[in-house]
C-alpha atoms as a PDB file:
ATOM      1  CA  UNK A   1       2.238  -0.946   0.744  1.00  0.00           C
ATOM      2  CA  UNK A   2       0.075  -1.946  -2.182  1.00  0.00           C
ATOM      3  CA  UNK A   3       0.879  -1.098  -5.852  1.00  0.00           C
ATOM      4  CA  UNK A   4      -3.031  -1.372  -6.927  1.00  0.00           C
ATOM      5  CA  UNK A   5      -3.933   1.921  -8.015  1.00  0.00           C
ATOM      6  CA  UNK A   6      -6.970   3.099  -6.553  1.00  0.00           C
ATOM      7  CA  UNK A   7      -9.467   4.920  -8.560  1.00  0.00           C
ATOM      8  CA  UNK A   8     -11.214   8.338  -7.208  1.00  0.00           C
ATOM      9  CA  UNK A   9     -14.612   6.559  -6.573  1.00  0.00           C
ATOM     10  CA  UNK A  10     -13.787   3.888  -4.777  1.00  0.00           C
ATOM     11  CA  UNK A  11     -12.740   4.326  -0.801  1.00  0.00           C
ATOM     12  CA  UNK A  12      -9.639   2.651   0.326  1.00  0.00           C
ATOM     13  CA  UNK A  13     -11.010   0.838   3.604  1.00  0.00           C
ATOM     14  CA  UNK A  14      -9.097  -0.263   7.176  1.00  0.00           C
ATOM     15  CA  UNK A  15      -9.938  -0.339  10.743  1.00  0.00           C
ATOM     16  CA  UNK A  16      -9.750   3.429  11.241  1.00  0.00           C
ATOM     17  CA  UNK A  17     -12.383   4.308   8.594  1.00  0.00           C
ATOM     18  CA  UNK A  18     -14.354   1.102   8.435  1.00  0.00           C
ATOM     19  CA  UNK A  19     -17.345   1.913  10.861  1.00  0.00           C
ATOM     20  CA  UNK A  20     -17.729   5.710   9.225  1.00  0.00           C
ATOM     21  CA  UNK A  21     -17.360   4.522   5.947  1.00  0.00           C
ATOM     22  CA  UNK A  22     -19.371   1.381   5.892  1.00  0.00           C
ATOM     23  CA  UNK A  23     -21.756   0.499   8.592  1.00  0.00           C
ATOM     24  CA  UNK A  24     -23.023   4.267   9.522  1.00  0.00           C
ATOM     25  CA  UNK A  25     -23.429   4.650   5.630  1.00  0.00           C
ATOM     26  CA  UNK A  26     -26.863   5.805   4.533  1.00  0.00           C
ATOM     27  CA  UNK A  27     -26.011   4.062   1.519  1.00  0.00           C
ATOM     28  CA  UNK A  28     -25.506   0.247   0.874  1.00  0.00           C
ATOM     29  CA  UNK A  29     -22.138  -0.360   0.238  1.00  0.00           C
ATOM     30  CA  UNK A  30     -20.120  -2.469  -1.702  1.00  0.00           C
ATOM     31  CA  UNK A  31     -16.948  -3.986  -0.092  1.00  0.00           C
ATOM     32  CA  UNK A  32     -14.452  -5.781  -2.107  1.00  0.00           C
ATOM     33  CA  UNK A  33     -11.697  -7.831   0.415  1.00  0.00           C
ATOM     34  CA  UNK A  34      -8.553  -8.450  -1.785  1.00  0.00           C
ATOM     35  CA  UNK A  35      -4.809  -8.470  -1.769  1.00  0.00           C
ATOM     36  CA  UNK A  36      -1.987  -7.293  -4.241  1.00  0.00           C
ATOM     37  CA  UNK A  37      -0.776 -10.560  -4.736  1.00  0.00           C
ATOM     38  CA  UNK A  38      -3.774 -12.233  -5.800  1.00  0.00           C
ATOM     39  CA  UNK A  39      -4.549 -12.440  -9.606  1.00  0.00           C
ATOM     40  CA  UNK A  40      -8.557 -12.598  -9.664  1.00  0.00           C
ATOM     41  CA  UNK A  41      -8.430  -9.581  -7.209  1.00  0.00           C
ATOM     42  CA  UNK A  42      -6.291  -7.515  -9.660  1.00  0.00           C
ATOM     43  CA  UNK A  43      -8.960  -8.758 -12.826  1.00  0.00           C
ATOM     44  CA  UNK A  44     -11.992  -7.926 -11.179  1.00  0.00           C
ATOM     45  CA  UNK A  45     -10.479  -4.501  -9.873  1.00  0.00           C
ATOM     46  CA  UNK A  46     -11.027  -2.474 -12.876  1.00  0.00           C
ATOM     47  CA  UNK A  47     -14.670  -3.581 -12.769  1.00  0.00           C
ATOM     48  CA  UNK A  48     -14.915  -2.757  -8.990  1.00  0.00           C
ATOM     49  CA  UNK A  49     -13.942   1.219  -9.971  1.00  0.00           C
ATOM     50  CA  UNK A  50     -16.397   0.987 -13.168  1.00  0.00           C
ATOM     51  CA  UNK A  51     -19.387   0.236 -10.381  1.00  0.00           C
ATOM     52  CA  UNK A  52     -18.132   2.744  -8.211  1.00  0.00           C
ATOM     53  CA  UNK A  53     -18.480   5.530 -11.084  1.00  0.00           C
ATOM     54  CA  UNK A  54     -21.771   3.913 -11.983  1.00  0.00           C
ATOM     55  CA  UNK A  55     -22.994   4.332  -8.953  1.00  0.00           C
ATOM     56  CA  UNK A  56     -21.856   7.186  -7.023  1.00  0.00           C
ATOM     57  CA  UNK A  57     -24.505   9.111  -5.158  1.00  0.00           C
ATOM     58  CA  UNK A  58     -26.090   5.737  -4.800  1.00  0.00           C
ATOM     59  CA  UNK A  59     -24.064   3.447  -3.466  1.00  0.00           C
ATOM     60  CA  UNK A  60     -20.899   3.388  -2.231  1.00  0.00           C
ATOM     61  CA  UNK A  61     -17.767   1.242  -3.139  1.00  0.00           C
ATOM     62  CA  UNK A  62     -14.800   0.438  -1.024  1.00  0.00           C
ATOM     63  CA  UNK A  63     -11.510  -1.941  -1.063  1.00  0.00           C
ATOM     64  CA  UNK A  64     -10.055  -3.652   2.049  1.00  0.00           C
ATOM     65  CA  UNK A  65      -6.303  -5.120   1.927  1.00  0.00           C
ATOM     66  CA  UNK A  66      -7.018  -8.043   3.756  1.00  0.00           C
ATOM     67  CA  UNK A  67      -2.910  -8.434   4.305  1.00  0.00           C
ATOM     68  CA  UNK A  68      -2.725  -4.940   5.813  1.00  0.00           C
ATOM     69  CA  UNK A  69      -6.379  -5.143   7.765  1.00  0.00           C
ATOM     70  CA  UNK A  70      -6.362  -9.033   8.907  1.00  0.00           C
ATOM     71  CA  UNK A  71      -9.291  -8.016  11.820  1.00  0.00           C
ATOM     72  CA  UNK A  72     -11.234  -6.750   8.981  1.00  0.00           C
ATOM     73  CA  UNK A  73     -11.037 -10.296   7.218  1.00  0.00           C
ATOM     74  CA  UNK A  74     -11.239 -12.162  10.006  1.00  0.00           C
ATOM     75  CA  UNK A  75     -14.542 -10.260  11.499  1.00  0.00           C
ATOM     76  CA  UNK A  76     -16.569 -11.076   7.930  1.00  0.00           C
ATOM     77  CA  UNK A  77     -15.341 -14.627   7.472  1.00  0.00           C
ATOM     78  CA  UNK A  78     -13.051 -13.915   4.880  1.00  0.00           C
ATOM     79  CA  UNK A  79     -11.445 -17.331   3.647  1.00  0.00           C
ATOM     80  CA  UNK A  80     -11.269 -16.535   0.136  1.00  0.00           C
ATOM     81  CA  UNK A  81     -10.289 -13.753  -2.522  1.00  0.00           C
ATOM     82  CA  UNK A  82     -11.887 -11.761  -3.576  1.00  0.00           C
ATOM     83  CA  UNK A  83     -14.518 -11.611  -1.160  1.00  0.00           C
ATOM     84  CA  UNK A  84     -17.403  -9.055  -2.136  1.00  0.00           C
ATOM     85  CA  UNK A  85     -19.612  -8.322   0.322  1.00  0.00           C
ATOM     86  CA  UNK A  86     -22.750  -6.309   0.093  1.00  0.00           C
ATOM     87  CA  UNK A  87     -23.880  -3.878   3.225  1.00  0.00           C
ATOM     88  CA  UNK A  88     -27.089  -2.138   4.124  1.00  0.00           C
ATOM     89  CA  UNK A  89     -27.841  -0.393   7.041  1.00  0.00           C
ATOM     90  CA  UNK A  90     -24.656  -1.918   8.765  1.00  0.00           C
ATOM     91  CA  UNK A  91     -25.205  -5.453   8.034  1.00  0.00           C
ATOM     92  CA  UNK A  92     -23.853  -7.978   5.758  1.00  0.00           C
ATOM     93  CA  UNK A  93     -27.135  -8.466   2.958  1.00  0.00           C
ATOM     94  CA  UNK A  94     -25.068 -10.478   0.476  1.00  0.00           C
ATOM     95  CA  UNK A  95     -21.463 -11.932  -0.553  1.00  0.00           C
ATOM     96  CA  UNK A  96     -19.633 -13.113  -3.103  1.00  0.00           C
ATOM     97  CA  UNK A  97     -16.568 -15.130  -3.913  1.00  0.00           C
ATOM     98  CA  UNK A  98     -14.369 -15.003  -6.544  1.00  0.00           C
ATOM     99  CA  UNK A  99     -14.790 -13.345 -10.602  1.00  0.00           C
ATOM    100  CA  UNK A 100     -17.940 -12.778 -11.500  1.00  0.00           C
ATOM    101  CA  UNK A 101     -19.364 -10.980 -14.355  1.00  0.00           C
ATOM    102  CA  UNK A 102     -20.379  -6.995 -13.737  1.00  0.00           C
ATOM    103  CA  UNK A 103     -24.015  -7.965 -14.277  1.00  0.00           C
ATOM    104  CA  UNK A 104     -24.457  -9.682 -11.595  1.00  0.00           C
ATOM    105  CA  UNK A 105     -22.530  -7.224  -9.583  1.00  0.00           C
ATOM    106  CA  UNK A 106     -24.603  -3.944 -10.642  1.00  0.00           C
ATOM    107  CA  UNK A 107     -28.075  -6.326 -10.286  1.00  0.00           C
ATOM    108  CA  UNK A 108     -27.146  -6.909  -6.910  1.00  0.00           C
ATOM    109  CA  UNK A 109     -26.263  -3.164  -6.142  1.00  0.00           C
ATOM    110  CA  UNK A 110     -29.156  -1.902  -7.859  1.00  0.00           C
ATOM    111  CA  UNK A 111     -31.736  -3.862  -5.861  1.00  0.00           C
ATOM    112  CA  UNK A 112     -30.042  -2.536  -2.441  1.00  0.00           C
ATOM    113  CA  UNK A 113     -30.226   0.596  -3.738  1.00  0.00           C
ATOM    114  CA  UNK A 114     -33.812   0.506  -4.279  1.00  0.00           C
ATOM    115  CA  UNK A 115     -34.542  -0.812  -1.444  1.00  0.00           C
ATOM    116  CA  UNK A 116     -33.242   1.537   0.589  1.00  0.00           C
ATOM    117  CA  UNK A 117     -34.949   4.454  -1.435  1.00  0.00           C
ATOM    118  CA  UNK A 118     -37.745   2.945  -1.143  1.00  0.00           C
ATOM    119  CA  UNK A 119     -37.134   2.783   2.629  1.00  0.00           C
ATOM    120  CA  UNK A 120     -36.861   6.817   3.104  1.00  0.00           C
END
């Protein structure tokens, strides 16, 4: 059981919903691979929640607890956390490890969102 509070715009991802919420999403998706015992993960958590609110309707944001979903962590070669993966059209198109400035994350998500809009 995790103690980190989930924001209403952040989807809790697991092996049951990862395909439908991430791989089949028409919007770009930012996925935060984290763990409850990880201080850097807790530090970036509020930033992830802010991004989820700011990008509501434009991009999706989800979190994967690596302790509860080891197969997903293995599938995406998560070697250290937090690891932030950016998906578009079911594929990983970018990834960032560690605590990074919010502006870096929003710039990447904005670029993905604009490309998605242009492709439609």
